[in-house]
Amino acid sequence: IFVNRTFSESLLIALLRPNRSLVIVVAVVAAALGGTLLWPLASGLFQFGPLHLDDLAVTLTSGIAVLVCLELLKHFWRERLKA
């Protein structure tokens, strides 16, 4: 979602631009994920184990790395489309 919002402008500008739908979608996804991780019945249903700090760090780092890589690739895509 975040990468597609920023194809023509910088990531920071795209994230600061108001978008009510994006806020609602991110909030619902975060609530659903949080609910499945924190509610014991849902955690047992999906067989989720306990989250540790290193698990969260790997997940956050991976997400940021993918976002940065895609942002860098968009510069090459834009140059290719102009040629």
PDB file of N, CA and C in Angstrom:
ATOM      1  N   ILE A   1       0.836  -1.192   0.000  1.00  0.00           N
ATOM      2  CA  ILE A   1       0.000   0.000   0.000  1.00  0.00           C
ATOM      3  C   ILE A   1       0.877   1.252   0.000  1.00  0.00           C
ATOM      4  N   PHE A   2       1.877   1.281   0.870  1.00  0.00           N
ATOM      5  CA  PHE A   2       2.701   2.484   0.985  1.00  0.00           C
ATOM      6  C   PHE A   2       3.553   2.717  -0.255  1.00  0.00           C
ATOM      7  N   VAL A   3       4.039   1.659  -0.857  1.00  0.00           N
ATOM      8  CA  VAL A   3       4.870   1.808  -2.047  1.00  0.00           C
ATOM      9  C   VAL A   3       4.043   2.320  -3.216  1.00  0.00           C
ATOM     10  N   ASN A   4       2.851   1.801  -3.410  1.00  0.00           N
ATOM     11  CA  ASN A   4       2.009   2.239  -4.517  1.00  0.00           C
ATOM     12  C   ASN A   4       1.538   3.684  -4.360  1.00  0.00           C
ATOM     13  N   ARG A   5       1.441   4.174  -3.134  1.00  0.00           N
ATOM     14  CA  ARG A   5       1.036   5.567  -2.914  1.00  0.00           C
ATOM     15  C   ARG A   5       2.114   6.536  -3.338  1.00  0.00           C
ATOM     16  N   THR A   6       3.340   6.077  -3.456  1.00  0.00           N
ATOM     17  CA  THR A   6       4.460   6.990  -3.632  1.00  0.00           C
ATOM     18  C   THR A   6       5.118   6.896  -4.992  1.00  0.00           C
ATOM     19  N   PHE A   7       4.434   6.408  -6.003  1.00  0.00           N
ATOM     20  CA  PHE A   7       5.110   6.199  -7.284  1.00  0.00           C
ATOM     21  C   PHE A   7       5.550   7.499  -7.934  1.00  0.00           C
ATOM     22  N   SER A   8       4.822   8.575  -7.730  1.00  0.00           N
ATOM     23  CA  SER A   8       5.173   9.825  -8.400  1.00  0.00           C
ATOM     24  C   SER A   8       5.813  10.854  -7.474  1.00  0.00           C
ATOM     25  N   GLU A   9       5.864  10.589  -6.179  1.00  0.00           N
ATOM     26  CA  GLU A   9       6.450  11.548  -5.249  1.00  0.00           C
ATOM     27  C   GLU A   9       7.192  10.813  -4.145  1.00  0.00           C
ATOM     28  N   SER A  10       7.807  11.571  -3.262  1.00  0.00           N
ATOM     29  CA  SER A  10       8.599  10.941  -2.207  1.00  0.00           C
ATOM     30  C   SER A  10       7.700  10.238  -1.196  1.00  0.00           C
ATOM     31  N   LEU A  11       8.283   9.302  -0.485  1.00  0.00           N
ATOM     32  CA  LEU A  11       7.554   8.536   0.514  1.00  0.00           C
ATOM     33  C   LEU A  11       7.021   9.438   1.621  1.00  0.00           C
ATOM     34  N   LEU A  12       7.821  10.363   2.073  1.00  0.00           N
ATOM     35  CA  LEU A  12       7.404  11.257   3.152  1.00  0.00           C
ATOM     36  C   LEU A  12       6.208  12.115   2.742  1.00  0.00           C
ATOM     37  N   ILE A  13       6.228  12.663   1.555  1.00  0.00           N
ATOM     38  CA  ILE A  13       5.101  13.480   1.078  1.00  0.00           C
ATOM     39  C   ILE A  13       3.834  12.630   0.971  1.00  0.00           C
ATOM     40  N   ALA A  14       3.979  11.420   0.457  1.00  0.00           N
ATOM     41  CA  ALA A  14       2.806  10.545   0.307  1.00  0.00           C
ATOM     42  C   ALA A  14       2.233  10.142   1.659  1.00  0.00           C
ATOM     43  N   LEU A  15       3.082   9.919   2.650  1.00  0.00           N
ATOM     44  CA  LEU A  15       2.583   9.530   3.968  1.00  0.00           C
ATOM     45  C   LEU A  15       1.959  10.692   4.714  1.00  0.00           C
ATOM     46  N   LEU A  16       2.421  11.906   4.454  1.00  0.00           N
ATOM     47  CA  LEU A  16       1.869  13.081   5.139  1.00  0.00           C
ATOM     48  C   LEU A  16       0.577  13.582   4.498  1.00  0.00           C
ATOM     49  N   ARG A  17       0.323  13.167   3.260  1.00  0.00           N
ATOM     50  CA  ARG A  17      -0.907  13.565   2.576  1.00  0.00           C
ATOM     51  C   ARG A  17      -2.091  12.873   3.253  1.00  0.00           C
ATOM     52  N   PRO A  18      -3.110  13.613   3.630  1.00  0.00           N
ATOM     53  CA  PRO A  18      -4.252  12.996   4.326  1.00  0.00           C
ATOM     54  C   PRO A  18      -4.972  11.972   3.448  1.00  0.00           C
ATOM     55  N   ASN A  19      -5.275  10.831   4.046  1.00  0.00           N
ATOM     56  CA  ASN A  19      -6.014   9.798   3.348  1.00  0.00           C
ATOM     57  C   ASN A  19      -6.774   8.985   4.396  1.00  0.00           C
ATOM     58  N   ARG A  20      -8.043   9.276   4.530  1.00  0.00           N
ATOM     59  CA  ARG A  20      -8.871   8.638   5.555  1.00  0.00           C
ATOM     60  C   ARG A  20      -8.980   7.133   5.352  1.00  0.00           C
ATOM     61  N   SER A  21      -9.093   6.697   4.111  1.00  0.00           N
ATOM     62  CA  SER A  21      -9.209   5.265   3.822  1.00  0.00           C
ATOM     63  C   SER A  21      -7.956   4.510   4.251  1.00  0.00           C
ATOM     64  N   LEU A  22      -6.796   5.086   3.995  1.00  0.00           N
ATOM     65  CA  LEU A  22      -5.549   4.441   4.395  1.00  0.00           C
ATOM     66  C   LEU A  22      -5.468   4.306   5.908  1.00  0.00           C
ATOM     67  N   VAL A  23      -5.863   5.333   6.628  1.00  0.00           N
ATOM     68  CA  VAL A  23      -5.846   5.285   8.089  1.00  0.00           C
ATOM     69  C   VAL A  23      -6.777   4.191   8.598  1.00  0.00           C
ATOM     70  N   ILE A  24      -7.951   4.084   8.005  1.00  0.00           N
ATOM     71  CA  ILE A  24      -8.918   3.064   8.431  1.00  0.00           C
ATOM     72  C   ILE A  24      -8.377   1.664   8.146  1.00  0.00           C
ATOM     73  N   VAL A  25      -7.823   1.450   6.961  1.00  0.00           N
ATOM     74  CA  VAL A  25      -7.302   0.131   6.601  1.00  0.00           C
ATOM     75  C   VAL A  25      -6.142  -0.257   7.520  1.00  0.00           C
ATOM     76  N   VAL A  26      -5.205   0.652   7.762  1.00  0.00           N
ATOM     77  CA  VAL A  26      -4.069   0.347   8.633  1.00  0.00           C
ATOM     78  C   VAL A  26      -4.545   0.069  10.056  1.00  0.00           C
ATOM     79  N   ALA A  27      -5.512   0.823  10.539  1.00  0.00           N
ATOM     80  CA  ALA A  27      -6.036   0.602  11.892  1.00  0.00           C
ATOM     81  C   ALA A  27      -6.732  -0.753  12.008  1.00  0.00           C
ATOM     82  N   VAL A  28      -7.531  -1.116  11.019  1.00  0.00           N
ATOM     83  CA  VAL A  28      -8.239  -2.408  11.051  1.00  0.00           C
ATOM     84  C   VAL A  28      -7.243  -3.567  10.979  1.00  0.00           C
ATOM     85  N   VAL A  29      -6.248  -3.453  10.111  1.00  0.00           N
ATOM     86  CA  VAL A  29      -5.249  -4.518   9.991  1.00  0.00           C
ATOM     87  C   VAL A  29      -4.455  -4.645  11.286  1.00  0.00           C
ATOM     88  N   ALA A  30      -4.048  -3.523  11.873  1.00  0.00           N
ATOM     89  CA  ALA A  30      -3.297  -3.562  13.131  1.00  0.00           C
ATOM     90  C   ALA A  30      -4.148  -4.149  14.259  1.00  0.00           C
ATOM     91  N   ALA A  31      -5.412  -3.787  14.317  1.00  0.00           N
ATOM     92  CA  ALA A  31      -6.299  -4.331  15.352  1.00  0.00           C
ATOM     93  C   ALA A  31      -6.510  -5.834  15.167  1.00  0.00           C
ATOM     94  N   ALA A  32      -6.702  -6.269  13.932  1.00  0.00           N
ATOM     95  CA  ALA A  32      -6.896  -7.699  13.671  1.00  0.00           C
ATOM     96  C   ALA A  32      -5.639  -8.489  14.021  1.00  0.00           C
ATOM     97  N   LEU A  33      -4.490  -7.997  13.623  1.00  0.00           N
ATOM     98  CA  LEU A  33      -3.245  -8.684  13.939  1.00  0.00           C
ATOM     99  C   LEU A  33      -2.984  -8.681  15.438  1.00  0.00           C
ATOM    100  N   GLY A  34      -3.182  -7.531  16.068  1.00  0.00           N
ATOM    101  CA  GLY A  34      -3.012  -7.453  17.511  1.00  0.00           C
ATOM    102  C   GLY A  34      -3.964  -8.371  18.253  1.00  0.00           C
ATOM    103  N   GLY A  35      -5.202  -8.432  17.789  1.00  0.00           N
ATOM    104  CA  GLY A  35      -6.187  -9.312  18.416  1.00  0.00           C
ATOM    105  C   GLY A  35      -5.817 -10.776  18.301  1.00  0.00           C
ATOM    106  N   THR A  36      -5.329 -11.183  17.139  1.00  0.00           N
ATOM    107  CA  THR A  36      -4.968 -12.591  16.975  1.00  0.00           C
ATOM    108  C   THR A  36      -3.704 -12.943  17.757  1.00  0.00           C
ATOM    109  N   LEU A  37      -2.839 -11.966  17.956  1.00  0.00           N
ATOM    110  CA  LEU A  37      -1.616 -12.251  18.713  1.00  0.00           C
ATOM    111  C   LEU A  37      -1.828 -12.198  20.218  1.00  0.00           C
ATOM    112  N   LEU A  38      -2.740 -11.352  20.674  1.00  0.00           N
ATOM    113  CA  LEU A  38      -2.905 -11.137  22.114  1.00  0.00           C
ATOM    114  C   LEU A  38      -4.068 -11.912  22.732  1.00  0.00           C
ATOM    115  N   TRP A  39      -5.045 -12.308  21.960  1.00  0.00           N
ATOM    116  CA  TRP A  39      -6.198 -13.046  22.475  1.00  0.00           C
ATOM    117  C   TRP A  39      -5.836 -14.534  22.493  1.00  0.00           C
ATOM    118  N   PRO A  40      -5.781 -15.139  23.663  1.00  0.00           N
ATOM    119  CA  PRO A  40      -5.326 -16.531  23.759  1.00  0.00           C
ATOM    120  C   PRO A  40      -6.115 -17.521  22.899  1.00  0.00           C
ATOM    121  N   LEU A  41      -7.424 -17.334  22.781  1.00  0.00           N
ATOM    122  CA  LEU A  41      -8.218 -18.249  21.959  1.00  0.00           C
ATOM    123  C   LEU A  41      -7.796 -18.171  20.486  1.00  0.00           C
ATOM    124  N   ALA A  42      -7.609 -16.967  19.979  1.00  0.00           N
ATOM    125  CA  ALA A  42      -7.191 -16.798  18.582  1.00  0.00           C
ATOM    126  C   ALA A  42      -5.758 -17.280  18.387  1.00  0.00           C
ATOM    127  N   SER A  43      -4.883 -16.994  19.335  1.00  0.00           N
ATOM    128  CA  SER A  43      -3.500 -17.470  19.236  1.00  0.00           C
ATOM    129  C   SER A  43      -3.442 -18.992  19.193  1.00  0.00           C
ATOM    130  N   GLY A  44      -4.270 -19.634  20.010  1.00  0.00           N
ATOM    131  CA  GLY A  44      -4.318 -21.088  19.998  1.00  0.00           C
ATOM    132  C   GLY A  44      -4.895 -21.633  18.707  1.00  0.00           C
ATOM    133  N   LEU A  45      -5.915 -20.951  18.179  1.00  0.00           N
ATOM    134  CA  LEU A  45      -6.536 -21.388  16.927  1.00  0.00           C
ATOM    135  C   LEU A  45      -5.531 -21.368  15.774  1.00  0.00           C
ATOM    136  N   PHE A  46      -4.737 -20.300  15.692  1.00  0.00           N
ATOM    137  CA  PHE A  46      -3.750 -20.164  14.623  1.00  0.00           C
ATOM    138  C   PHE A  46      -2.391 -20.743  15.004  1.00  0.00           C
ATOM    139  N   GLN A  47      -2.292 -21.299  16.219  1.00  0.00           N
ATOM    140  CA  GLN A  47      -1.065 -21.899  16.738  1.00  0.00           C
ATOM    141  C   GLN A  47       0.105 -20.926  16.722  1.00  0.00           C
ATOM    142  N   PHE A  48      -0.144 -19.681  17.150  1.00  0.00           N
ATOM    143  CA  PHE A  48       0.908 -18.675  17.266  1.00  0.00           C
ATOM    144  C   PHE A  48       1.644 -18.877  18.578  1.00  0.00           C
ATOM    145  N   GLY A  49       2.947 -18.812  18.528  1.00  0.00           N
ATOM    146  CA  GLY A  49       3.756 -18.868  19.732  1.00  0.00           C
ATOM    147  C   GLY A  49       3.940 -17.460  20.283  1.00  0.00           C
ATOM    148  N   PRO A  50       4.567 -17.351  21.439  1.00  0.00           N
ATOM    149  CA  PRO A  50       4.786 -16.024  22.016  1.00  0.00           C
ATOM    150  C   PRO A  50       5.789 -15.223  21.181  1.00  0.00           C
ATOM    151  N   LEU A  51       5.556 -13.925  21.095  1.00  0.00           N
ATOM    152  CA  LEU A  51       6.472 -13.043  20.364  1.00  0.00           C
ATOM    153  C   LEU A  51       7.569 -12.568  21.304  1.00  0.00           C
ATOM    154  N   HIS A  52       8.787 -12.593  20.792  1.00  0.00           N
ATOM    155  CA  HIS A  52       9.916 -12.100  21.550  1.00  0.00           C
ATOM    156  C   HIS A  52      10.417 -10.818  20.886  1.00  0.00           C
ATOM    157  N   LEU A  53      11.228 -10.081  21.604  1.00  0.00           N
ATOM    158  CA  LEU A  53      11.735  -8.817  21.084  1.00  0.00           C
ATOM    159  C   LEU A  53      12.540  -9.014  19.800  1.00  0.00           C
ATOM    160  N   ASP A  54      13.309 -10.085  19.717  1.00  0.00           N
ATOM    161  CA  ASP A  54      14.086 -10.322  18.499  1.00  0.00           C
ATOM    162  C   ASP A  54      13.180 -10.642  17.307  1.00  0.00           C
ATOM    163  N   ASP A  55      12.059 -11.307  17.541  1.00  0.00           N
ATOM    164  CA  ASP A  55      11.097 -11.574  16.464  1.00  0.00           C
ATOM    165  C   ASP A  55      10.531 -10.266  15.906  1.00  0.00           C
ATOM    166  N   LEU A  56      10.154  -9.380  16.803  1.00  0.00           N
ATOM    167  CA  LEU A  56       9.610  -8.086  16.378  1.00  0.00           C
ATOM    168  C   LEU A  56      10.660  -7.257  15.655  1.00  0.00           C
ATOM    169  N   ALA A  57      11.912  -7.318  16.123  1.00  0.00           N
ATOM    170  CA  ALA A  57      12.985  -6.560  15.476  1.00  0.00           C
ATOM    171  C   ALA A  57      13.236  -7.067  14.061  1.00  0.00           C
ATOM    172  N   VAL A  58      13.250  -8.382  13.877  1.00  0.00           N
ATOM    173  CA  VAL A  58      13.454  -8.950  12.540  1.00  0.00           C
ATOM    174  C   VAL A  58      12.306  -8.555  11.611  1.00  0.00           C
ATOM    175  N   THR A  59      11.087  -8.617  12.110  1.00  0.00           N
ATOM    176  CA  THR A  59       9.921  -8.263  11.298  1.00  0.00           C
ATOM    177  C   THR A  59       9.956  -6.803  10.886  1.00  0.00           C
ATOM    178  N   LEU A  60      10.223  -5.925  11.833  1.00  0.00           N
ATOM    179  CA  LEU A  60      10.276  -4.492  11.533  1.00  0.00           C
ATOM    180  C   LEU A  60      11.410  -4.167  10.571  1.00  0.00           C
ATOM    181  N   THR A  61      12.577  -4.753  10.798  1.00  0.00           N
ATOM    182  CA  THR A  61      13.723  -4.509   9.927  1.00  0.00           C
ATOM    183  C   THR A  61      13.454  -5.013   8.513  1.00  0.00           C
ATOM    184  N   SER A  62      12.846  -6.168   8.392  1.00  0.00           N
ATOM    185  CA  SER A  62      12.529  -6.719   7.071  1.00  0.00           C
ATOM    186  C   SER A  62      11.532  -5.835   6.319  1.00  0.00           C
ATOM    187  N   GLY A  63      10.514  -5.375   7.016  1.00  0.00           N
ATOM    188  CA  GLY A  63       9.527  -4.500   6.387  1.00  0.00           C
ATOM    189  C   GLY A  63      10.139  -3.199   5.902  1.00  0.00           C
ATOM    190  N   ILE A  64      10.991  -2.602   6.717  1.00  0.00           N
ATOM    191  CA  ILE A  64      11.651  -1.351   6.327  1.00  0.00           C
ATOM    192  C   ILE A  64      12.602  -1.599   5.162  1.00  0.00           C
ATOM    193  N   ALA A  65      13.329  -2.718   5.186  1.00  0.00           N
ATOM    194  CA  ALA A  65      14.260  -3.033   4.096  1.00  0.00           C
ATOM    195  C   ALA A  65      13.524  -3.205   2.770  1.00  0.00           C
ATOM    196  N   VAL A  66      12.404  -3.895   2.786  1.00  0.00           N
ATOM    197  CA  VAL A  66      11.621  -4.078   1.554  1.00  0.00           C
ATOM    198  C   VAL A  66      11.098  -2.737   1.047  1.00  0.00           C
ATOM    199  N   LEU A  67      10.610  -1.891   1.955  1.00  0.00           N
ATOM    200  CA  LEU A  67      10.106  -0.573   1.568  1.00  0.00           C
ATOM    201  C   LEU A  67      11.206   0.270   0.944  1.00  0.00           C
ATOM    202  N   VAL A  68      12.386   0.264   1.539  1.00  0.00           N
ATOM    203  CA  VAL A  68      13.512   1.042   1.000  1.00  0.00           C
ATOM    204  C   VAL A  68      13.937   0.499  -0.361  1.00  0.00           C
ATOM    205  N   CYS A  69      14.035  -0.821  -0.495  1.00  0.00           N
ATOM    206  CA  CYS A  69      14.419  -1.413  -1.789  1.00  0.00           C
ATOM    207  C   CYS A  69      13.423  -1.062  -2.886  1.00  0.00           C
ATOM    208  N   LEU A  70      12.149  -1.142  -2.592  1.00  0.00           N
ATOM    209  CA  LEU A  70      11.141  -0.798  -3.596  1.00  0.00           C
ATOM    210  C   LEU A  70      11.168   0.682  -3.941  1.00  0.00           C
ATOM    211  N   GLU A  71      11.440   1.524  -2.955  1.00  0.00           N
ATOM    212  CA  GLU A  71      11.571   2.957  -3.227  1.00  0.00           C
ATOM    213  C   GLU A  71      12.749   3.208  -4.159  1.00  0.00           C
ATOM    214  N   LEU A  72      13.865   2.530  -3.933  1.00  0.00           N
ATOM    215  CA  LEU A  72      15.029   2.690  -4.803  1.00  0.00           C
ATOM    216  C   LEU A  72      14.756   2.167  -6.207  1.00  0.00           C
ATOM    217  N   LEU A  73      14.052   1.065  -6.308  1.00  0.00           N
ATOM    218  CA  LEU A  73      13.723   0.511  -7.618  1.00  0.00           C
ATOM    219  C   LEU A  73      12.815   1.437  -8.422  1.00  0.00           C
ATOM    220  N   LYS A  74      11.963   2.182  -7.741  1.00  0.00           N
ATOM    221  CA  LYS A  74      11.046   3.082  -8.453  1.00  0.00           C
ATOM    222  C   LYS A  74      11.794   4.160  -9.208  1.00  0.00           C
ATOM    223  N   HIS A  75      12.942   4.584  -8.707  1.00  0.00           N
ATOM    224  CA  HIS A  75      13.739   5.582  -9.423  1.00  0.00           C
ATOM    225  C   HIS A  75      14.206   5.019 -10.770  1.00  0.00           C
ATOM    226  N   PHE A  76      14.615   3.748 -10.782  1.00  0.00           N
ATOM    227  CA  PHE A  76      15.023   3.116 -12.030  1.00  0.00           C
ATOM    228  C   PHE A  76      13.827   2.925 -12.954  1.00  0.00           C
ATOM    229  N   TRP A  77      12.676   2.548 -12.402  1.00  0.00           N
ATOM    230  CA  TRP A  77      11.474   2.375 -13.220  1.00  0.00           C
ATOM    231  C   TRP A  77      11.054   3.696 -13.858  1.00  0.00           C
ATOM    232  N   ARG A  78      11.124   4.775 -13.094  1.00  0.00           N
ATOM    233  CA  ARG A  78      10.747   6.082 -13.643  1.00  0.00           C
ATOM    234  C   ARG A  78      11.667   6.470 -14.785  1.00  0.00           C
ATOM    235  N   GLU A  79      12.976   6.260 -14.629  1.00  0.00           N
ATOM    236  CA  GLU A  79      13.927   6.592 -15.670  1.00  0.00           C
ATOM    237  C   GLU A  79      13.685   5.757 -16.924  1.00  0.00           C
ATOM    238  N   ARG A  80      13.334   4.509 -16.726  1.00  0.00           N
ATOM    239  CA  ARG A  80      13.054   3.625 -17.870  1.00  0.00           C
ATOM    240  C   ARG A  80      11.796   4.034 -18.611  1.00  0.00           C
ATOM    241  N   LEU A  81      10.787   4.512 -17.859  1.00  0.00           N
ATOM    242  CA  LEU A  81       9.550   4.937 -18.497  1.00  0.00           C
ATOM    243  C   LEU A  81       9.744   6.223 -19.277  1.00  0.00           C
ATOM    244  N   LYS A  82      10.654   7.072 -18.852  1.00  0.00           N
ATOM    245  CA  LYS A  82      10.910   8.338 -19.541  1.00  0.00           C
ATOM    246  C   LYS A  82      11.657   8.112 -20.843  1.00  0.00           C
ATOM    247  N   ALA A  83      12.479   7.069 -20.894  1.00  0.00           N
ATOM    248  CA  ALA A  83      13.330   6.824 -22.084  1.00  0.00           C
ATOM    249  C   ALA A  83      12.546   6.283 -23.247  1.00  0.00           C
TER     250      ALA A  83
END
